[in-house]
Amino acid sequence: MNTAGHSQSRDESEEEVNMRSKFLSSLTVALSVSVAAMTASAGHHEASPSFKQHAVRGPIQVLQGKGGNIGVLKAADGILLIDNDYPDMNKALKKALKPLGGVESVSFVINTHWHGDHTGGNALLGPQSLIVAHDNVRERLSRPQEVKLFNMKSSAYAEVALPEITYSQTLNLHFGGEELELVHYPSGHTDGDTVVYFKNSNVVHTGDHFFNGFFPFVDVDSGGSVLNMAANVGQILDRIDKDTVIIPGHGPIADKEDLKAFQTMLIGTSADVQAMMMEGKDLEAIQEHGLSDIWQSWTKGFLDEKTWISIVYASLKAEEEDN
C-alpha cells in the first residue's frame, strides 16, 4: 500500500489519466440527475456494472463497485448496508445482495454523507429499509446541491430516498449481534460525515474521511476542511488499534498504519501549500511549483496534484476568512 514516504516520477501513465477523466465525467452525471431519473452515471472504479465482494471480518463484508465502498453486515434477521454506490449500480447491487437474502432483506442503510456515489441506491432501498444518517445529510438531500469545483449540480431526493433516522453527535445501533456506534466528525469531508465503528468486531468504516493511497476529494463547498479532516482522522486513530480493520470510503481495505500515512499526507501537503501562501504565491504559482516530491505516490488516484493543491488552497483560504 502507498505511504507518504514513498516517491515516484511525476509522469502519469495513460491509464491513470483515463481513470481520472472517467471518474470526473461520470461523477458529474451522477450528481446531476434527479432520483426520479436515476438511470445514468459512471464511477470511481472500473467501468463495469458489477461489484467485487471481499470478506472483512466475521459477518462483515465489503462490496466495491464504481463509487464508495459498501459495508455489509449479514445477520439472521437481515442485512445492514453502509452506503450504496451510484444510482446506475442498482441492478448490480440487487445481484450482489441476492445470495445474502436480496434487497428485500436490507433492514438498515447508513449514509456516511450526502454525495451521490454513496447515496445513489437510497431510492432503491428506501421502501423496505430504514435509512440512517447525520442531520445535515437529510438536509442536503432534501434540496438541490452543487459541487463548484467540478461544476456539478444535483436535484433534491424524493421522500422515499431521504434518511428517516438522523442524529447530531452519536448514535448506537444493535443489529445481528453487533453493536455499531455512529459518530459524526464535523467539517471533514463534508458537514455531515459519519464514521461507523463495529465495536464487537473491531472494524471501522470511515466513509470519505479516508481515501486509501491517493489524494481525497474534500468538499469545501459543503463544509469540508482539509485540516479538520486531518484532525478528525487523528481522533479516529486514537480510538483504534493495530488489529482494527478499516474500510475506507475509497480504495483497498486498510489498517491503522495506512490511516496514519493518510493523515501524514493531509498535514504535509497542507503545510507545503500554506508555506507558499505565506510567501505571497497565488494558486496558479503554487500549482506551477508543485508539492514536495515525497507526496507523488498519492497522485495515483482520480485527483492530480494541481487539483489537490486547489482543494487545499480553497480550504486554507476558507479558514482564513472564518478567522
Protein backbone atom coordinates (compact mmCIF):
# COMPACT_ATOMS: atom_id res chain seq x y z
CA MET A 1 0.00 0.00 0.00
CA ASN A 2 1.18 3.55 -0.67
CA THR A 3 2.68 5.60 2.15
CA ALA A 4 3.52 9.24 2.40
CA GLY A 5 7.24 8.49 2.49
CA HIS A 6 7.39 6.92 -0.93
CA SER A 7 8.27 8.96 -4.02
CA GLN A 8 7.88 8.31 -7.71
CA SER A 9 8.10 10.07 -11.04
CA ARG A 10 5.75 12.96 -11.76
CA ASP A 11 4.90 11.40 -15.11
CA GLU A 12 1.43 9.93 -15.24
CA SER A 13 0.54 6.85 -17.20
CA GLU A 14 -2.20 6.96 -19.83
CA GLU A 15 -4.19 4.57 -17.63
CA GLU A 16 -4.10 6.98 -14.68
CA VAL A 17 -5.16 9.91 -16.84
CA ASN A 18 -8.05 7.88 -18.29
CA MET A 19 -9.08 6.76 -14.80
CA ARG A 20 -9.26 10.34 -13.58
CA SER A 21 -11.13 11.51 -16.67
CA LYS A 22 -13.70 8.73 -16.39
CA PHE A 23 -14.30 9.44 -12.72
CA LEU A 24 -14.81 13.17 -13.07
CA SER A 25 -17.09 12.93 -16.09
CA SER A 26 -19.18 10.17 -14.56
CA LEU A 27 -19.44 11.81 -11.15
CA THR A 28 -20.83 14.86 -12.90
CA VAL A 29 -23.59 12.72 -14.36
CA ALA A 30 -24.35 11.02 -11.06
CA LEU A 31 -24.76 14.23 -9.14
CA SER A 32 -26.86 15.99 -11.76
CA VAL A 33 -29.71 13.53 -12.18
CA SER A 34 -32.84 13.51 -10.04
CA VAL A 35 -33.90 10.50 -8.02
CA ALA A 36 -36.87 10.03 -10.32
CA ALA A 37 -34.48 9.60 -13.22
CA MET A 38 -31.66 7.71 -11.51
CA THR A 39 -30.52 5.81 -14.58
CA ALA A 40 -27.15 7.15 -15.67
CA SER A 41 -23.77 7.73 -14.08
CA ALA A 42 -20.34 6.17 -14.03
CA GLY A 43 -17.78 5.88 -11.35
CA HIS A 44 -14.58 5.68 -9.45
CA HIS A 45 -13.66 2.04 -10.04
CA GLU A 46 -13.56 0.06 -13.25
CA ALA A 47 -16.37 0.77 -15.72
CA SER A 48 -18.17 -2.49 -15.03
CA PRO A 49 -21.77 -2.95 -13.84
CA SER A 50 -20.82 -5.35 -11.08
CA PHE A 51 -19.43 -5.49 -7.56
CA LYS A 52 -16.40 -7.25 -6.18
CA GLN A 53 -17.09 -8.83 -2.83
CA HIS A 54 -14.40 -9.07 -0.14
CA ALA A 55 -14.53 -10.59 3.32
CA VAL A 56 -13.56 -8.16 6.08
CA ARG A 57 -14.02 -9.90 9.42
CA GLY A 58 -16.68 -12.28 10.69
CA PRO A 59 -20.06 -11.41 9.14
CA ILE A 60 -18.78 -8.09 7.76
CA GLN A 61 -18.05 -7.79 4.05
CA VAL A 62 -17.34 -5.01 1.59
CA LEU A 63 -18.73 -4.51 -1.92
CA GLN A 64 -16.55 -2.49 -4.28
CA GLY A 65 -18.22 -1.19 -7.41
CA LYS A 66 -17.94 2.23 -9.03
CA GLY A 67 -18.44 4.58 -6.12
CA GLY A 68 -17.77 4.44 -2.40
CA ASN A 69 -17.03 1.16 -0.67
CA ILE A 70 -20.20 -0.50 0.65
CA GLY A 71 -20.02 -2.10 4.08
CA VAL A 72 -22.26 -5.14 4.51
CA LEU A 73 -23.31 -6.79 7.78
CA LYS A 74 -25.25 -10.00 7.15
CA ALA A 75 -27.31 -11.30 10.03
CA ALA A 76 -30.01 -13.90 10.52
CA ASP A 77 -32.63 -11.16 10.68
CA GLY A 78 -31.50 -9.18 7.66
CA ILE A 79 -28.78 -7.03 6.13
CA LEU A 80 -27.28 -3.71 7.15
CA LEU A 81 -25.53 -1.61 4.49
CA ILE A 82 -23.16 1.31 4.84
CA ASP A 83 -23.52 3.42 1.67
CA ASN A 84 -24.88 2.11 -1.64
CA ASP A 85 -22.88 3.44 -4.64
CA TYR A 86 -24.20 5.27 -7.71
CA PRO A 87 -27.82 5.01 -8.94
CA ASP A 88 -26.84 3.18 -12.11
CA MET A 89 -25.38 0.42 -9.94
CA ASN A 90 -28.79 -0.50 -8.53
CA LYS A 91 -29.18 -3.52 -10.80
CA ALA A 92 -25.70 -4.76 -9.90
CA LEU A 93 -26.43 -4.15 -6.20
CA LYS A 94 -29.56 -6.28 -6.43
CA LYS A 95 -27.49 -9.06 -7.96
CA ALA A 96 -24.75 -8.80 -5.32
CA LEU A 97 -27.26 -8.89 -2.47
CA LYS A 98 -29.30 -11.80 -3.83
CA PRO A 99 -27.13 -14.56 -2.28
CA LEU A 100 -27.37 -12.74 1.05
CA GLY A 101 -31.17 -12.65 1.03
CA GLY A 102 -31.89 -9.99 -1.55
CA VAL A 103 -32.71 -6.28 -1.47
CA GLU A 104 -35.89 -7.06 0.44
CA SER A 105 -33.74 -8.28 3.35
CA VAL A 106 -31.97 -4.94 3.82
CA SER A 107 -33.17 -3.58 7.16
CA PHE A 108 -30.84 -0.62 7.65
CA VAL A 109 -28.89 1.66 5.32
CA ILE A 110 -26.34 4.10 6.73
CA ASN A 111 -25.33 7.06 4.57
CA THR A 112 -21.85 8.25 5.58
CA HIS A 113 -22.50 11.59 3.77
CA TRP A 114 -24.65 13.05 1.00
CA HIS A 115 -22.60 12.53 -2.19
CA GLY A 116 -24.27 10.56 -4.98
CA ASP A 117 -21.61 7.84 -5.17
CA HIS A 118 -22.62 6.86 -1.61
CA THR A 119 -26.38 7.52 -1.69
CA GLY A 120 -27.37 6.56 -5.24
CA GLY A 121 -29.16 3.43 -4.04
CA ASN A 122 -31.34 5.22 -1.48
CA ALA A 123 -34.36 5.25 -3.79
CA LEU A 124 -33.99 1.52 -4.39
CA LEU A 125 -33.55 0.62 -0.73
CA GLY A 126 -35.76 3.22 0.94
CA PRO A 127 -39.11 1.46 0.51
CA GLN A 128 -38.10 -1.51 2.67
CA SER A 129 -35.18 -0.13 4.73
CA LEU A 130 -34.57 2.46 7.42
CA ILE A 131 -32.03 4.99 6.13
CA VAL A 132 -29.82 6.47 8.84
CA ALA A 133 -27.55 9.50 8.53
CA HIS A 134 -26.38 12.70 10.16
CA ASP A 135 -28.89 15.55 10.36
CA ASN A 136 -27.07 17.52 7.65
CA VAL A 137 -27.31 14.64 5.16
CA ARG A 138 -31.10 14.71 5.18
CA GLU A 139 -31.00 18.49 4.97
CA ARG A 140 -28.72 18.45 1.92
CA LEU A 141 -30.51 15.61 0.13
CA SER A 142 -33.81 17.44 0.64
CA ARG A 143 -32.74 20.31 -1.61
CA PRO A 144 -30.59 20.87 -4.70
CA GLN A 145 -26.84 20.75 -4.16
CA GLU A 146 -23.77 21.95 -6.02
CA VAL A 147 -20.10 21.00 -6.03
CA LYS A 148 -18.50 24.06 -7.55
CA LEU A 149 -15.06 22.53 -8.01
CA PHE A 150 -16.41 20.14 -10.65
CA ASN A 151 -19.34 22.33 -11.74
CA MET A 152 -21.79 19.65 -10.60
CA LYS A 153 -25.40 20.11 -9.56
CA SER A 154 -27.86 17.62 -8.09
CA SER A 155 -31.61 17.68 -7.61
CA ALA A 156 -33.44 17.12 -4.35
CA TYR A 157 -34.07 13.46 -3.50
CA ALA A 158 -37.58 12.06 -3.31
CA GLU A 159 -39.00 11.48 0.16
CA VAL A 160 -38.52 7.71 -0.13
CA ALA A 161 -34.78 8.22 -0.63
CA LEU A 162 -34.24 10.52 2.36
CA PRO A 163 -32.85 9.36 5.72
CA GLU A 164 -35.66 8.56 8.16
CA ILE A 165 -33.45 8.40 11.23
CA THR A 166 -30.99 11.24 11.79
CA TYR A 167 -28.69 12.18 14.65
CA SER A 168 -26.40 15.06 15.64
CA GLN A 169 -23.41 13.62 17.53
CA THR A 170 -23.52 9.86 18.13
CA LEU A 171 -25.99 7.03 17.61
CA ASN A 172 -25.82 3.37 18.61
CA LEU A 173 -27.40 0.59 16.55
CA HIS A 174 -27.70 -3.01 17.69
CA PHE A 175 -28.08 -5.41 14.80
CA GLY A 176 -27.24 -9.07 14.24
CA GLY A 177 -25.34 -9.39 17.49
CA GLU A 178 -23.13 -6.43 16.59
CA GLU A 179 -23.04 -3.03 18.31
CA LEU A 180 -22.44 -0.21 15.86
CA GLU A 181 -21.55 3.28 17.02
CA LEU A 182 -22.14 6.07 14.50
CA VAL A 183 -20.01 9.13 15.21
CA HIS A 184 -20.27 12.50 13.48
CA TYR A 185 -16.91 14.14 12.77
CA PRO A 186 -17.66 17.76 11.82
CA SER A 187 -16.25 19.75 8.91
CA GLY A 188 -14.12 16.96 7.49
CA HIS A 189 -15.02 15.61 4.05
CA THR A 190 -18.38 17.46 4.27
CA ASP A 191 -20.50 18.89 7.09
CA GLY A 192 -22.42 15.64 7.57
CA ASP A 193 -19.86 12.83 7.82
CA THR A 194 -20.46 9.63 9.75
CA VAL A 195 -17.80 7.11 10.77
CA VAL A 196 -19.16 3.70 11.78
CA TYR A 197 -17.45 1.61 14.47
CA PHE A 198 -18.26 -2.10 14.67
CA LYS A 199 -17.43 -2.35 18.36
CA ASN A 200 -17.59 -6.14 18.70
CA SER A 201 -15.63 -6.94 15.54
CA ASN A 202 -13.04 -4.13 15.77
CA VAL A 203 -13.86 -2.87 12.28
CA VAL A 204 -14.42 0.74 11.25
CA HIS A 205 -15.98 2.20 8.10
CA THR A 206 -14.61 5.71 7.69
CA GLY A 207 -16.69 6.92 4.79
CA ASP A 208 -14.77 9.53 2.81
CA HIS A 209 -12.68 10.62 5.76
CA PHE A 210 -10.18 8.16 4.26
CA PHE A 211 -9.14 7.57 0.65
CA ASN A 212 -6.59 4.80 0.93
CA GLY A 213 -3.43 5.58 -1.05
CA PHE A 214 -4.42 8.66 -3.05
CA PHE A 215 -5.46 12.31 -2.75
CA PRO A 216 -9.06 12.65 -1.48
CA PHE A 217 -11.83 14.95 -2.55
CA VAL A 218 -12.64 17.36 0.28
CA ASP A 219 -15.91 19.18 -0.39
CA VAL A 220 -15.07 22.65 0.87
CA ASP A 221 -18.34 24.00 -0.55
CA SER A 222 -20.25 21.52 1.61
CA GLY A 223 -18.45 22.48 4.81
CA GLY A 224 -15.39 20.27 4.41
CA SER A 225 -11.88 21.21 5.54
CA VAL A 226 -8.55 19.52 4.87
CA LEU A 227 -7.05 20.41 8.25
CA ASN A 228 -10.25 19.46 10.09
CA MET A 229 -10.23 16.17 8.22
CA ALA A 230 -6.67 15.57 9.43
CA ALA A 231 -7.71 16.37 13.00
CA ASN A 232 -10.74 14.07 12.72
CA VAL A 233 -8.54 11.27 11.40
CA GLY A 234 -6.36 11.81 14.46
CA GLN A 235 -9.39 11.18 16.67
CA ILE A 236 -10.17 8.01 14.74
CA LEU A 237 -6.57 6.84 15.14
CA ASP A 238 -6.85 7.38 18.91
CA ARG A 239 -9.85 5.04 19.02
CA ILE A 240 -8.44 2.11 17.05
CA ASP A 241 -5.53 -0.29 17.45
CA LYS A 242 -3.14 -2.24 15.23
CA ASP A 243 -5.68 -5.04 14.83
CA THR A 244 -8.52 -2.81 13.62
CA VAL A 245 -9.66 -3.46 10.06
CA ILE A 246 -10.54 -0.26 8.22
CA ILE A 247 -12.97 0.05 5.34
CA PRO A 248 -12.08 3.36 3.64
CA GLY A 249 -14.51 5.39 1.61
CA HIS A 250 -12.42 4.61 -1.47
CA GLY A 251 -9.51 2.25 -2.03
CA PRO A 252 -8.49 -1.14 -0.63
CA ILE A 253 -9.14 -2.46 2.86
CA ALA A 254 -6.64 -0.88 5.24
CA ASP A 255 -5.08 -0.91 8.69
CA LYS A 256 -4.01 1.70 11.21
CA GLU A 257 -0.66 2.34 9.53
CA ASP A 258 -2.41 3.14 6.25
CA LEU A 259 -4.64 5.63 8.00
CA LYS A 260 -1.63 7.19 9.72
CA ALA A 261 0.04 7.62 6.34
CA PHE A 262 -3.08 9.32 5.01
CA GLN A 263 -3.11 11.76 7.92
CA THR A 264 0.57 12.48 7.41
CA MET A 265 -0.13 13.32 3.78
CA LEU A 266 -3.02 15.64 4.68
CA ILE A 267 -0.86 17.55 7.16
CA GLY A 268 2.25 17.56 5.00
CA THR A 269 0.63 18.74 1.78
CA SER A 270 -1.30 21.40 3.68
CA ALA A 271 1.98 22.62 5.18
CA ASP A 272 3.51 22.78 1.69
CA VAL A 273 0.65 24.90 0.34
CA GLN A 274 0.44 27.09 3.41
CA ALA A 275 4.17 27.86 3.29
CA MET A 276 3.88 29.01 -0.32
CA MET A 277 0.80 31.08 0.50
CA MET A 278 2.77 32.84 3.23
CA GLU A 279 5.40 33.65 0.62
CA GLY A 280 2.71 35.52 -1.30
CA LYS A 281 2.21 32.94 -4.06
CA ASP A 282 -1.24 32.69 -5.60
CA LEU A 283 -2.93 29.43 -6.57
CA GLU A 284 -1.50 29.33 -10.07
CA ALA A 285 2.04 29.89 -8.81
CA ILE A 286 1.65 27.19 -6.16
CA GLN A 287 0.34 24.74 -8.73
CA GLU A 288 3.24 25.56 -11.01
CA HIS A 289 5.75 24.99 -8.20
CA GLY A 290 4.09 21.79 -7.02
CA LEU A 291 4.26 19.81 -3.80
CA SER A 292 7.28 18.14 -2.26
CA ASP A 293 8.36 15.02 -4.14
CA ILE A 294 7.51 12.75 -1.20
CA TRP A 295 3.81 13.17 -1.97
CA GLN A 296 3.95 11.99 -5.59
CA SER A 297 2.85 8.44 -4.76
CA TRP A 298 -0.54 9.90 -3.78
CA THR A 299 -1.28 11.03 -7.34
CA LYS A 300 -2.31 7.52 -8.42
CA GLY A 301 -5.99 8.18 -7.79
CA PHE A 302 -8.56 10.32 -9.59
CA LEU A 303 -7.19 13.70 -8.45
CA ASP A 304 -3.96 15.02 -9.90
CA GLU A 305 -1.57 17.19 -7.93
CA LYS A 306 -2.87 20.50 -9.27
CA THR A 307 -6.46 19.66 -8.37
CA TRP A 308 -5.46 18.57 -4.89
CA ILE A 309 -3.50 21.80 -4.44
CA SER A 310 -6.60 23.76 -5.46
CA ILE A 311 -8.65 21.94 -2.80
CA VAL A 312 -6.07 22.56 -0.09
CA TYR A 313 -5.74 26.19 -1.16
CA ALA A 314 -9.52 26.74 -1.07
CA SER A 315 -9.74 25.05 2.32
CA LEU A 316 -6.97 27.18 3.84
CA LYS A 317 -8.48 30.35 2.33
CA ALA A 318 -11.87 29.48 3.85
CA GLU A 319 -10.26 29.03 7.26
CA GLU A 320 -8.54 32.40 6.94
CA GLU A 321 -11.87 34.04 6.21
CA ASP A 322 -13.53 32.31 9.15
CA ASN A 323 -10.82 33.56 11.47
